[in-house]
mmCIF file of all heavy atoms, coordinates in Angstrom:
data_MODEL
# 
_entry.id   MODEL 
# 
loop_
_atom_site.group_PDB 
_atom_site.id 
_atom_site.type_symbol 
_atom_site.label_atom_id 
_atom_site.label_alt_id 
_atom_site.label_comp_id 
_atom_site.label_asym_id 
_atom_site.label_entity_id 
_atom_site.label_seq_id 
_atom_site.pdbx_PDB_ins_code 
_atom_site.Cartn_x 
_atom_site.Cartn_y 
_atom_site.Cartn_z 
_atom_site.occupancy 
_atom_site.B_iso_or_equiv 
_atom_site.pdbx_formal_charge 
_atom_site.auth_seq_id 
_atom_site.auth_comp_id 
_atom_site.auth_asym_id 
_atom_site.auth_atom_id 
_atom_site.pdbx_PDB_model_num 
ATOM 1   N N   . ASP A 1 1  ? -28.763 58.891 -113.090 1.00 0.00 ? 1  ASP A N   1 
ATOM 2   C CA  . ASP A 1 1  ? -28.584 57.620 -112.377 1.00 0.00 ? 1  ASP A CA  1 
ATOM 3   C C   . ASP A 1 1  ? -27.099 57.300 -112.242 1.00 0.00 ? 1  ASP A C   1 
ATOM 4   O O   . ASP A 1 1  ? -26.290 57.659 -113.111 1.00 0.00 ? 1  ASP A O   1 
ATOM 5   C CB  . ASP A 1 1  ? -29.278 56.478 -113.121 1.00 0.00 ? 1  ASP A CB  1 
ATOM 6   C CG  . ASP A 1 1  ? -30.790 56.523 -113.002 1.00 0.00 ? 1  ASP A CG  1 
ATOM 7   O OD1 . ASP A 1 1  ? -31.296 57.266 -112.132 1.00 0.00 ? 1  ASP A OD1 1 
ATOM 8   O OD2 . ASP A 1 1  ? -31.470 55.812 -113.773 1.00 0.00 ? 1  ASP A OD2 1 
ATOM 9   N N   . GLU A 1 2  ? -26.748 56.610 -111.166 1.00 0.00 ? 2  GLU A N   1 
ATOM 10  C CA  . GLU A 1 2  ? -25.339 56.322 -110.884 1.00 0.00 ? 2  GLU A CA  1 
ATOM 11  C C   . GLU A 1 2  ? -25.045 54.824 -111.002 1.00 0.00 ? 2  GLU A C   1 
ATOM 12  O O   . GLU A 1 2  ? -25.836 53.980 -110.574 1.00 0.00 ? 2  GLU A O   1 
ATOM 13  C CB  . GLU A 1 2  ? -24.972 56.790 -109.479 1.00 0.00 ? 2  GLU A CB  1 
ATOM 14  C CG  . GLU A 1 2  ? -25.038 58.294 -109.303 1.00 0.00 ? 2  GLU A CG  1 
ATOM 15  C CD  . GLU A 1 2  ? -24.765 58.736 -107.888 1.00 0.00 ? 2  GLU A CD  1 
ATOM 16  O OE1 . GLU A 1 2  ? -24.690 57.864 -106.986 1.00 0.00 ? 2  GLU A OE1 1 
ATOM 17  O OE2 . GLU A 1 2  ? -24.634 59.952 -107.674 1.00 0.00 ? 2  GLU A OE2 1 
ATOM 18  N N   . VAL A 1 3  ? -23.879 54.543 -111.576 1.00 0.00 ? 3  VAL A N   1 
ATOM 19  C CA  . VAL A 1 3  ? -23.343 53.179 -111.651 1.00 0.00 ? 3  VAL A CA  1 
ATOM 20  C C   . VAL A 1 3  ? -22.010 53.180 -110.921 1.00 0.00 ? 3  VAL A C   1 
ATOM 21  O O   . VAL A 1 3  ? -21.128 53.991 -111.229 1.00 0.00 ? 3  VAL A O   1 
ATOM 22  C CB  . VAL A 1 3  ? -23.142 52.738 -113.114 1.00 0.00 ? 3  VAL A CB  1 
ATOM 23  C CG1 . VAL A 1 3  ? -22.477 51.363 -113.164 1.00 0.00 ? 3  VAL A CG1 1 
ATOM 24  C CG2 . VAL A 1 3  ? -24.470 52.716 -113.862 1.00 0.00 ? 3  VAL A CG2 1 
ATOM 25  N N   . LEU A 1 4  ? -21.846 52.278 -109.954 1.00 0.00 ? 4  LEU A N   1 
ATOM 26  C CA  . LEU A 1 4  ? -20.602 52.198 -109.196 1.00 0.00 ? 4  LEU A CA  1 
ATOM 27  C C   . LEU A 1 4  ? -19.702 51.113 -109.777 1.00 0.00 ? 4  LEU A C   1 
ATOM 28  O O   . LEU A 1 4  ? -20.099 49.945 -109.877 1.00 0.00 ? 4  LEU A O   1 
ATOM 29  C CB  . LEU A 1 4  ? -20.882 51.880 -107.727 1.00 0.00 ? 4  LEU A CB  1 
ATOM 30  C CG  . LEU A 1 4  ? -21.746 52.862 -106.938 1.00 0.00 ? 4  LEU A CG  1 
ATOM 31  C CD1 . LEU A 1 4  ? -21.778 52.453 -105.466 1.00 0.00 ? 4  LEU A CD1 1 
ATOM 32  C CD2 . LEU A 1 4  ? -21.233 54.292 -107.077 1.00 0.00 ? 4  LEU A CD2 1 
ATOM 33  N N   . ILE A 1 5  ? -18.485 51.504 -110.180 1.00 0.00 ? 5  ILE A N   1 
ATOM 34  C CA  . ILE A 1 5  ? -17.457 50.556 -110.574 1.00 0.00 ? 5  ILE A CA  1 
ATOM 35  C C   . ILE A 1 5  ? -16.224 50.876 -109.729 1.00 0.00 ? 5  ILE A C   1 
ATOM 36  O O   . ILE A 1 5  ? -16.346 51.457 -108.659 1.00 0.00 ? 5  ILE A O   1 
ATOM 37  C CB  . ILE A 1 5  ? -17.166 50.622 -112.095 1.00 0.00 ? 5  ILE A CB  1 
ATOM 38  C CG1 . ILE A 1 5  ? -16.669 52.014 -112.508 1.00 0.00 ? 5  ILE A CG1 1 
ATOM 39  C CG2 . ILE A 1 5  ? -18.398 50.247 -112.898 1.00 0.00 ? 5  ILE A CG2 1 
ATOM 40  C CD1 . ILE A 1 5  ? -16.150 52.070 -113.939 1.00 0.00 ? 5  ILE A CD1 1 
ATOM 41  N N   . ASN A 1 6  ? -15.035 50.505 -110.176 1.00 0.00 ? 6  ASN A N   1 
ATOM 42  C CA  . ASN A 1 6  ? -13.797 50.866 -109.475 1.00 0.00 ? 6  ASN A CA  1 
ATOM 43  C C   . ASN A 1 6  ? -12.648 50.796 -110.458 1.00 0.00 ? 6  ASN A C   1 
ATOM 44  O O   . ASN A 1 6  ? -12.787 50.244 -111.552 1.00 0.00 ? 6  ASN A O   1 
ATOM 45  C CB  . ASN A 1 6  ? -13.563 49.957 -108.265 1.00 0.00 ? 6  ASN A CB  1 
ATOM 46  C CG  . ASN A 1 6  ? -13.354 48.516 -108.668 1.00 0.00 ? 6  ASN A CG  1 
ATOM 47  O OD1 . ASN A 1 6  ? -12.239 48.079 -108.937 1.00 0.00 ? 6  ASN A OD1 1 
ATOM 48  N ND2 . ASN A 1 6  ? -14.456 47.746 -108.734 1.00 0.00 ? 6  ASN A ND2 1 
ATOM 49  N N   . LYS A 1 7  ? -11.512 51.349 -110.072 1.00 0.00 ? 7  LYS A N   1 
ATOM 50  C CA  . LYS A 1 7  ? -10.391 51.438 -111.001 1.00 0.00 ? 7  LYS A CA  1 
ATOM 51  C C   . LYS A 1 7  ? -9.740  50.100 -111.306 1.00 0.00 ? 7  LYS A C   1 
ATOM 52  O O   . LYS A 1 7  ? -8.916  50.011 -112.216 1.00 0.00 ? 7  LYS A O   1 
ATOM 53  C CB  . LYS A 1 7  ? -9.341  52.411 -110.455 1.00 0.00 ? 7  LYS A CB  1 
ATOM 54  C CG  . LYS A 1 7  ? -9.799  53.865 -110.461 1.00 0.00 ? 7  LYS A CG  1 
ATOM 55  C CD  . LYS A 1 7  ? -8.698  54.777 -109.944 1.00 0.00 ? 7  LYS A CD  1 
ATOM 56  C CE  . LYS A 1 7  ? -9.157  56.232 -109.946 1.00 0.00 ? 7  LYS A CE  1 
ATOM 57  N NZ  . LYS A 1 7  ? -8.103  57.141 -109.415 1.00 0.00 ? 7  LYS A NZ  1 
ATOM 58  N N   . GLY A 1 8  ? -10.101 49.065 -110.563 1.00 0.00 ? 8  GLY A N   1 
ATOM 59  C CA  . GLY A 1 8  ? -9.533  47.747 -110.803 1.00 0.00 ? 8  GLY A CA  1 
ATOM 60  C C   . GLY A 1 8  ? -10.336 46.891 -111.749 1.00 0.00 ? 8  GLY A C   1 
ATOM 61  O O   . GLY A 1 8  ? -10.047 45.704 -111.903 1.00 0.00 ? 8  GLY A O   1 
ATOM 62  N N   . GLU A 1 9  ? -11.327 47.481 -112.414 1.00 0.00 ? 9  GLU A N   1 
ATOM 63  C CA  . GLU A 1 9  ? -12.169 46.693 -113.314 1.00 0.00 ? 9  GLU A CA  1 
ATOM 64  C C   . GLU A 1 9  ? -11.534 46.534 -114.697 1.00 0.00 ? 9  GLU A C   1 
ATOM 65  O O   . GLU A 1 9  ? -10.855 47.430 -115.184 1.00 0.00 ? 9  GLU A O   1 
ATOM 66  C CB  . GLU A 1 9  ? -13.550 47.337 -113.461 1.00 0.00 ? 9  GLU A CB  1 
ATOM 67  C CG  . GLU A 1 9  ? -14.409 47.242 -112.216 1.00 0.00 ? 9  GLU A CG  1 
ATOM 68  C CD  . GLU A 1 9  ? -14.628 45.814 -111.760 1.00 0.00 ? 9  GLU A CD  1 
ATOM 69  O OE1 . GLU A 1 9  ? -15.040 44.971 -112.588 1.00 0.00 ? 9  GLU A OE1 1 
ATOM 70  O OE2 . GLU A 1 9  ? -14.369 45.533 -110.572 1.00 0.00 ? 9  GLU A OE2 1 
ATOM 71  N N   . HIS A 1 10 ? -11.828 45.400 -115.318 1.00 0.00 ? 10 HIS A N   1 
ATOM 72  C CA  . HIS A 1 10 ? -11.401 45.118 -116.688 1.00 0.00 ? 10 HIS A CA  1 
ATOM 73  C C   . HIS A 1 10 ? -12.133 46.046 -117.650 1.00 0.00 ? 10 HIS A C   1 
ATOM 74  O O   . HIS A 1 10 ? -13.246 46.502 -117.380 1.00 0.00 ? 10 HIS A O   1 
ATOM 75  C CB  . HIS A 1 10 ? -11.722 43.656 -117.012 1.00 0.00 ? 10 HIS A CB  1 
ATOM 76  C CG  . HIS A 1 10 ? -11.168 43.163 -118.302 1.00 0.00 ? 10 HIS A CG  1 
ATOM 77  N ND1 . HIS A 1 10 ? -11.770 43.414 -119.520 1.00 0.00 ? 10 HIS A ND1 1 
ATOM 78  C CD2 . HIS A 1 10 ? -10.076 42.406 -118.576 1.00 0.00 ? 10 HIS A CD2 1 
ATOM 79  C CE1 . HIS A 1 10 ? -11.068 42.836 -120.479 1.00 0.00 ? 10 HIS A CE1 1 
ATOM 80  N NE2 . HIS A 1 10 ? -10.039 42.224 -119.938 1.00 0.00 ? 10 HIS A NE2 1 
ATOM 81  N N   . ALA A 1 11 ? -11.517 46.324 -118.780 1.00 0.00 ? 11 ALA A N   1 
ATOM 82  C CA  . ALA A 1 11 ? -12.102 47.228 -119.781 1.00 0.00 ? 11 ALA A CA  1 
ATOM 83  C C   . ALA A 1 11 ? -13.528 46.838 -120.161 1.00 0.00 ? 11 ALA A C   1 
ATOM 84  O O   . ALA A 1 11 ? -14.369 47.706 -120.439 1.00 0.00 ? 11 ALA A O   1 
ATOM 85  C CB  . ALA A 1 11 ? -11.227 47.243 -121.041 1.00 0.00 ? 11 ALA A CB  1 
ATOM 86  N N   . SER A 1 12 ? -13.830 45.552 -120.167 1.00 0.00 ? 12 SER A N   1 
ATOM 87  C CA  . SER A 1 12 ? -15.165 45.086 -120.566 1.00 0.00 ? 12 SER A CA  1 
ATOM 88  C C   . SER A 1 12 ? -16.244 45.504 -119.586 1.00 0.00 ? 12 SER A C   1 
ATOM 89  O O   . SER A 1 12 ? -17.422 45.548 -119.938 1.00 0.00 ? 12 SER A O   1 
ATOM 90  C CB  . SER A 1 12 ? -15.175 43.562 -120.700 1.00 0.00 ? 12 SER A CB  1 
ATOM 91  O OG  . SER A 1 12 ? -14.248 43.150 -121.679 1.00 0.00 ? 12 SER A OG  1 
ATOM 92  N N   . ASN A 1 13 ? -15.842 45.793 -118.349 1.00 0.00 ? 13 ASN A N   1 
ATOM 93  C CA  . ASN A 1 13 ? -16.791 46.258 -117.334 1.00 0.00 ? 13 ASN A CA  1 
ATOM 94  C C   . ASN A 1 13 ? -16.607 47.742 -117.047 1.00 0.00 ? 13 ASN A C   1 
ATOM 95  O O   . ASN A 1 13 ? -17.046 48.234 -116.009 1.00 0.00 ? 13 ASN A O   1 
ATOM 96  C CB  . ASN A 1 13 ? -16.647 45.447 -116.049 1.00 0.00 ? 13 ASN A CB  1 
ATOM 97  C CG  . ASN A 1 13 ? -17.845 45.597 -115.123 1.00 0.00 ? 13 ASN A CG  1 
ATOM 98  O OD1 . ASN A 1 13 ? -18.974 45.819 -115.562 1.00 0.00 ? 13 ASN A OD1 1 
ATOM 99  N ND2 . ASN A 1 13 ? -17.602 45.475 -113.828 1.00 0.00 ? 13 ASN A ND2 1 
ATOM 100 N N   . VAL A 1 14 ? -15.971 48.438 -117.970 1.00 0.00 ? 14 VAL A N   1 
ATOM 101 C CA  . VAL A 1 14 ? -15.773 49.887 -117.844 1.00 0.00 ? 14 VAL A CA  1 
ATOM 102 C C   . VAL A 1 14 ? -16.285 50.614 -119.090 1.00 0.00 ? 14 VAL A C   1 
ATOM 103 O O   . VAL A 1 14 ? -17.164 51.482 -119.009 1.00 0.00 ? 14 VAL A O   1 
ATOM 104 C CB  . VAL A 1 14 ? -14.289 50.235 -117.614 1.00 0.00 ? 14 VAL A CB  1 
ATOM 105 C CG1 . VAL A 1 14 ? -14.085 51.751 -117.598 1.00 0.00 ? 14 VAL A CG1 1 
ATOM 106 C CG2 . VAL A 1 14 ? -13.776 49.630 -116.316 1.00 0.00 ? 14 VAL A CG2 1 
ATOM 107 N N   . LEU A 1 15 ? -15.726 50.243 -120.238 1.00 0.00 ? 15 LEU A N   1 
ATOM 108 C CA  . LEU A 1 15 ? -16.026 50.993 -121.464 1.00 0.00 ? 15 LEU A CA  1 
ATOM 109 C C   . LEU A 1 15 ? -17.513 51.011 -121.830 1.00 0.00 ? 15 LEU A C   1 
ATOM 110 O O   . LEU A 1 15 ? -18.035 52.078 -122.216 1.00 0.00 ? 15 LEU A O   1 
ATOM 111 C CB  . LEU A 1 15 ? -15.193 50.454 -122.622 1.00 0.00 ? 15 LEU A CB  1 
ATOM 112 C CG  . LEU A 1 15 ? -13.676 50.708 -122.503 1.00 0.00 ? 15 LEU A CG  1 
ATOM 113 C CD1 . LEU A 1 15 ? -12.925 50.027 -123.631 1.00 0.00 ? 15 LEU A CD1 1 
ATOM 114 C CD2 . LEU A 1 15 ? -13.374 52.198 -122.488 1.00 0.00 ? 15 LEU A CD2 1 
ATOM 115 N N   . PRO A 1 16 ? -18.253 49.898 -121.727 1.00 0.00 ? 16 PRO A N   1 
ATOM 116 C CA  . PRO A 1 16 ? -19.683 49.991 -122.045 1.00 0.00 ? 16 PRO A CA  1 
ATOM 117 C C   . PRO A 1 16 ? -20.433 50.970 -121.141 1.00 0.00 ? 16 PRO A C   1 
ATOM 118 O O   . PRO A 1 16 ? -21.347 51.668 -121.598 1.00 0.00 ? 16 PRO A O   1 
ATOM 119 C CB  . PRO A 1 16 ? -20.183 48.555 -121.852 1.00 0.00 ? 16 PRO A CB  1 
ATOM 120 C CG  . PRO A 1 16 ? -18.979 47.708 -122.047 1.00 0.00 ? 16 PRO A CG  1 
ATOM 121 C CD  . PRO A 1 16 ? -17.848 48.503 -121.477 1.00 0.00 ? 16 PRO A CD  1 
ATOM 122 N N   . TRP A 1 17 ? -20.043 51.037 -119.871 1.00 0.00 ? 17 TRP A N   1 
ATOM 123 C CA  . TRP A 1 17 ? -20.675 52.002 -118.959 1.00 0.00 ? 17 TRP A CA  1 
ATOM 124 C C   . TRP A 1 17 ? -20.324 53.426 -119.373 1.00 0.00 ? 17 TRP A C   1 
ATOM 125 O O   . TRP A 1 17 ? -21.166 54.339 -119.278 1.00 0.00 ? 17 TRP A O   1 
ATOM 126 C CB  . TRP A 1 17 ? -20.244 51.748 -117.525 1.00 0.00 ? 17 TRP A CB  1 
ATOM 127 C CG  . TRP A 1 17 ? -20.670 50.435 -116.945 1.00 0.00 ? 17 TRP A CG  1 
ATOM 128 C CD1 . TRP A 1 17 ? -19.861 49.403 -116.547 1.00 0.00 ? 17 TRP A CD1 1 
ATOM 129 C CD2 . TRP A 1 17 ? -22.019 49.997 -116.697 1.00 0.00 ? 17 TRP A CD2 1 
ATOM 130 N NE1 . TRP A 1 17 ? -20.617 48.357 -116.073 1.00 0.00 ? 17 TRP A NE1 1 
ATOM 131 C CE2 . TRP A 1 17 ? -21.946 48.696 -116.146 1.00 0.00 ? 17 TRP A CE2 1 
ATOM 132 C CE3 . TRP A 1 17 ? -23.276 50.585 -116.894 1.00 0.00 ? 17 TRP A CE3 1 
ATOM 133 C CZ2 . TRP A 1 17 ? -23.081 47.966 -115.783 1.00 0.00 ? 17 TRP A CZ2 1 
ATOM 134 C CZ3 . TRP A 1 17 ? -24.401 49.862 -116.535 1.00 0.00 ? 17 TRP A CZ3 1 
ATOM 135 C CH2 . TRP A 1 17 ? -24.305 48.577 -115.987 1.00 0.00 ? 17 TRP A CH2 1 
ATOM 136 N N   . PHE A 1 18 ? -19.084 53.631 -119.824 1.00 0.00 ? 18 PHE A N   1 
ATOM 137 C CA  . PHE A 1 18 ? -18.686 54.961 -120.287 1.00 0.00 ? 18 PHE A CA  1 
ATOM 138 C C   . PHE A 1 18 ? -19.508 55.388 -121.507 1.00 0.00 ? 18 PHE A C   1 
ATOM 139 O O   . PHE A 1 18 ? -19.839 56.564 -121.664 1.00 0.00 ? 18 PHE A O   1 
ATOM 140 C CB  . PHE A 1 18 ? -17.199 54.982 -120.630 1.00 0.00 ? 18 PHE A CB  1 
ATOM 141 C CG  . PHE A 1 18 ? -16.281 55.063 -119.436 1.00 0.00 ? 18 PHE A CG  1 
ATOM 142 C CD1 . PHE A 1 18 ? -14.903 55.060 -119.605 1.00 0.00 ? 18 PHE A CD1 1 
ATOM 143 C CD2 . PHE A 1 18 ? -16.772 55.149 -118.147 1.00 0.00 ? 18 PHE A CD2 1 
ATOM 144 C CE1 . PHE A 1 18 ? -14.040 55.150 -118.523 1.00 0.00 ? 18 PHE A CE1 1 
ATOM 145 C CE2 . PHE A 1 18 ? -15.925 55.226 -117.046 1.00 0.00 ? 18 PHE A CE2 1 
ATOM 146 C CZ  . PHE A 1 18 ? -14.550 55.229 -117.238 1.00 0.00 ? 18 PHE A CZ  1 
ATOM 147 N N   . VAL A 1 19 ? -19.802 54.411 -122.376 1.00 0.00 ? 19 VAL A N   1 
ATOM 148 C CA  . VAL A 1 19 ? -20.645 54.716 -123.542 1.00 0.00 ? 19 VAL A CA  1 
ATOM 149 C C   . VAL A 1 19 ? -22.027 55.170 -123.078 1.00 0.00 ? 19 VAL A C   1 
ATOM 150 O O   . VAL A 1 19 ? -22.572 56.168 -123.582 1.00 0.00 ? 19 VAL A O   1 
ATOM 151 C CB  . VAL A 1 19 ? -20.756 53.493 -124.468 1.00 0.00 ? 19 VAL A CB  1 
ATOM 152 C CG1 . VAL A 1 19 ? -21.791 53.739 -125.571 1.00 0.00 ? 19 VAL A CG1 1 
ATOM 153 C CG2 . VAL A 1 19 ? -19.395 53.170 -125.101 1.00 0.00 ? 19 VAL A CG2 1 
ATOM 154 N N   . LEU A 1 20 ? -22.606 54.461 -122.104 1.00 0.00 ? 20 LEU A N   1 
ATOM 155 C CA  . LEU A 1 20 ? -23.916 54.872 -121.581 1.00 0.00 ? 20 LEU A CA  1 
ATOM 156 C C   . LEU A 1 20 ? -23.843 56.234 -120.901 1.00 0.00 ? 20 LEU A C   1 
ATOM 157 O O   . LEU A 1 20 ? -24.799 57.016 -120.947 1.00 0.00 ? 20 LEU A O   1 
ATOM 158 C CB  . LEU A 1 20 ? -24.452 53.838 -120.587 1.00 0.00 ? 20 LEU A CB  1 
ATOM 159 C CG  . LEU A 1 20 ? -24.959 52.508 -121.138 1.00 0.00 ? 20 LEU A CG  1 
ATOM 160 C CD1 . LEU A 1 20 ? -25.822 51.801 -120.094 1.00 0.00 ? 20 LEU A CD1 1 
ATOM 161 C CD2 . LEU A 1 20 ? -25.744 52.671 -122.426 1.00 0.00 ? 20 LEU A CD2 1 
ATOM 162 N N   . GLN A 1 21 ? -22.720 56.515 -120.266 1.00 0.00 ? 21 GLN A N   1 
ATOM 163 C CA  . GLN A 1 21 ? -22.549 57.819 -119.622 1.00 0.00 ? 21 GLN A CA  1 
ATOM 164 C C   . GLN A 1 21 ? -22.653 58.939 -120.649 1.00 0.00 ? 21 GLN A C   1 
ATOM 165 O O   . GLN A 1 21 ? -23.281 59.976 -120.399 1.00 0.00 ? 21 GLN A O   1 
ATOM 166 C CB  . GLN A 1 21 ? -21.200 57.870 -118.904 1.00 0.00 ? 21 GLN A CB  1 
ATOM 167 C CG  . GLN A 1 21 ? -20.949 59.155 -118.132 1.00 0.00 ? 21 GLN A CG  1 
ATOM 168 C CD  . GLN A 1 21 ? -19.733 59.049 -117.234 1.00 0.00 ? 21 GLN A CD  1 
ATOM 169 O OE1 . GLN A 1 21 ? -19.829 59.145 -116.025 1.00 0.00 ? 21 GLN A OE1 1 
ATOM 170 N NE2 . GLN A 1 21 ? -18.557 58.841 -117.824 1.00 0.00 ? 21 GLN A NE2 1 
ATOM 171 N N   . LYS A 1 22 ? -22.060 58.715 -121.823 1.00 0.00 ? 22 LYS A N   1 
ATOM 172 C CA  . LYS A 1 22 ? -22.141 59.720 -122.885 1.00 0.00 ? 22 LYS A CA  1 
ATOM 173 C C   . LYS A 1 22 ? -23.535 59.786 -123.495 1.00 0.00 ? 22 LYS A C   1 
ATOM 174 O O   . LYS A 1 22 ? -24.053 60.872 -123.774 1.00 0.00 ? 22 LYS A O   1 
ATOM 175 C CB  . LYS A 1 22 ? -21.113 59.415 -123.982 1.00 0.00 ? 22 LYS A CB  1 
ATOM 176 C CG  . LYS A 1 22 ? -19.676 59.738 -123.595 1.00 0.00 ? 22 LYS A CG  1 
ATOM 177 C CD  . LYS A 1 22 ? -18.756 59.558 -124.799 1.00 0.00 ? 22 LYS A CD  1 
ATOM 178 C CE  . LYS A 1 22 ? -17.335 60.008 -124.466 1.00 0.00 ? 22 LYS A CE  1 
ATOM 179 N NZ  . LYS A 1 22 ? -16.437 59.924 -125.633 1.00 0.00 ? 22 LYS A NZ  1 
ATOM 180 N N   . GLU A 1 23 ? -24.121 58.619 -123.723 1.00 0.00 ? 23 GLU A N   1 
ATOM 181 C CA  . GLU A 1 23 ? -25.401 58.580 -124.428 1.00 0.00 ? 23 GLU A CA  1 
ATOM 182 C C   . GLU A 1 23 ? -26.585 58.983 -123.544 1.00 0.00 ? 23 GLU A C   1 
ATOM 183 O O   . GLU A 1 23 ? -27.491 59.685 -123.999 1.00 0.00 ? 23 GLU A O   1 
ATOM 184 C CB  . GLU A 1 23 ? -25.642 57.177 -124.989 1.00 0.00 ? 23 GLU A CB  1 
ATOM 185 C CG  . GLU A 1 23 ? -24.706 56.797 -126.124 1.00 0.00 ? 23 GLU A CG  1 
ATOM 186 C CD  . GLU A 1 23 ? -25.034 55.431 -126.708 1.00 0.00 ? 23 GLU A CD  1 
ATOM 187 O OE1 . GLU A 1 23 ? -25.927 54.731 -126.163 1.00 0.00 ? 23 GLU A OE1 1 
ATOM 188 O OE2 . GLU A 1 23 ? -24.400 55.051 -127.708 1.00 0.00 ? 23 GLU A OE2 1 
ATOM 189 N N   . LEU A 1 24 ? -26.584 58.525 -122.305 1.00 0.00 ? 24 LEU A N   1 
ATOM 190 C CA  . LEU A 1 24 ? -27.737 58.730 -121.428 1.00 0.00 ? 24 LEU A CA  1 
ATOM 191 C C   . LEU A 1 24 ? -27.514 59.791 -120.360 1.00 0.00 ? 24 LEU A C   1 
ATOM 192 O O   . LEU A 1 24 ? -28.443 60.159 -119.638 1.00 0.00 ? 24 LEU A O   1 
ATOM 193 C CB  . LEU A 1 24 ? -28.114 57.408 -120.727 1.00 0.00 ? 24 LEU A CB  1 
ATOM 194 C CG  . LEU A 1 24 ? -28.431 56.206 -121.616 1.00 0.00 ? 24 LEU A CG  1 
ATOM 195 C CD1 . LEU A 1 24 ? -28.803 55.009 -120.741 1.00 0.00 ? 24 LEU A CD1 1 
ATOM 196 C CD2 . LEU A 1 24 ? -29.554 56.525 -122.597 1.00 0.00 ? 24 LEU A CD2 1 
ATOM 197 N N   . LYS A 1 25 ? -26.253 60.240 -120.225 1.00 0.00 ? 25 LYS A N   1 
ATOM 198 C CA  . LYS A 1 25 ? -25.880 61.201 -119.181 1.00 0.00 ? 25 LYS A CA  1 
ATOM 199 C C   . LYS A 1 25 ? -26.081 60.628 -117.781 1.00 0.00 ? 25 LYS A C   1 
ATOM 200 O O   . LYS A 1 25 ? -26.461 61.330 -116.845 1.00 0.00 ? 25 LYS A O   1 
ATOM 201 C CB  . LYS A 1 25 ? -26.661 62.515 -119.348 1.00 0.00 ? 25 LYS A CB  1 
ATOM 202 C CG  . LYS A 1 25 ? -26.348 63.222 -120.664 1.00 0.00 ? 25 LYS A CG  1 
ATOM 203 C CD  . LYS A 1 25 ? -27.072 64.559 -120.769 1.00 0.00 ? 25 LYS A CD  1 
ATOM 204 C CE  . LYS A 1 25 ? -26.734 65.250 -122.078 1.00 0.00 ? 25 LYS A CE  1 
ATOM 205 N NZ  . LYS A 1 25 ? -27.459 66.532 -122.254 1.00 0.00 ? 25 LYS A NZ  1 
ATOM 206 N N   . ILE A 1 26 ? -25.830 59.310 -117.659 1.00 0.00 ? 26 ILE A N   1 
ATOM 207 C CA  . ILE A 1 26 ? -25.740 58.734 -116.328 1.00 0.00 ? 26 ILE A CA  1 
ATOM 208 C C   . ILE A 1 26 ? -24.384 59.098 -115.749 1.00 0.00 ? 26 ILE A C   1 
ATOM 209 O O   . ILE A 1 26 ? -23.529 59.678 -116.440 1.00 0.00 ? 26 ILE A O   1 
ATOM 210 C CB  . ILE A 1 26 ? -25.907 57.200 -116.370 1.00 0.00 ? 26 ILE A CB  1 
ATOM 211 C CG1 . ILE A 1 26 ? -24.751 56.556 -117.166 1.00 0.00 ? 26 ILE A CG1 1 
ATOM 212 C CG2 . ILE A 1 26 ? -27.262 56.807 -116.942 1.00 0.00 ? 26 ILE A CG2 1 
ATOM 213 C CD1 . ILE A 1 26 ? -24.681 55.049 -117.047 1.00 0.00 ? 26 ILE A CD1 1 
ATOM 214 N N   . LYS A 1 27 ? -24.142 58.745 -114.490 1.00 0.00 ? 27 LYS A N   1 
ATOM 215 C CA  . LYS A 1 27 ? -22.862 59.046 -113.852 1.00 0.00 ? 27 LYS A CA  1 
ATOM 216 C C   . LYS A 1 27 ? -22.184 57.749 -113.447 1.00 0.00 ? 27 LYS A C   1 
ATOM 217 O O   . LYS A 1 27 ? -22.762 56.940 -112.700 1.00 0.00 ? 27 LYS A O   1 
ATOM 218 C CB  . LYS A 1 27 ? -23.058 59.930 -112.622 1.00 0.00 ? 27 LYS A CB  1 
ATOM 219 C CG  . LYS A 1 27 ? -21.748 60.378 -111.988 1.00 0.00 ? 27 LYS A CG  1 
ATOM 220 C CD  . LYS A 1 27 ? -21.976 61.369 -110.864 1.00 0.00 ? 27 LYS A CD  1 
ATOM 221 C CE  . LYS A 1 27 ? -20.654 61.856 -110.283 1.00 0.00 ? 27 LYS A CE  1 
ATOM 222 N NZ  . LYS A 1 27 ? -20.866 62.818 -109.166 1.00 0.00 ? 27 LYS A NZ  1 
ATOM 223 N N   . VAL A 1 28 ? -20.988 57.510 -113.966 1.00 0.00 ? 28 VAL A N   1 
ATOM 224 C CA  . VAL A 1 28 ? -20.200 56.341 -113.595 1.00 0.00 ? 28 VAL A CA  1 
ATOM 225 C C   . VAL A 1 28 ? -19.192 56.773 -112.527 1.00 0.00 ? 28 VAL A C   1 
ATOM 226 O O   . VAL A 1 28 ? -18.356 57.643 -112.765 1.00 0.00 ? 28 VAL A O   1 
ATOM 227 C CB  . VAL A 1 28 ? -19.474 55.744 -114.810 1.00 0.00 ? 28 VAL A CB  1 
ATOM 228 C CG1 . VAL A 1 28 ? -18.648 54.529 -114.396 1.00 0.00 ? 28 VAL A CG1 1 
ATOM 229 C CG2 . VAL A 1 28 ? -20.476 55.356 -115.898 1.00 0.00 ? 28 VAL A CG2 1 
# 
């Protein structure tokens, strides 16, 4: 599954998604 963010996002809206990317193998 894919989650769309962007490079202008605050860490709070980036790092938790990165954790899910590692744990669930989703794609950010």
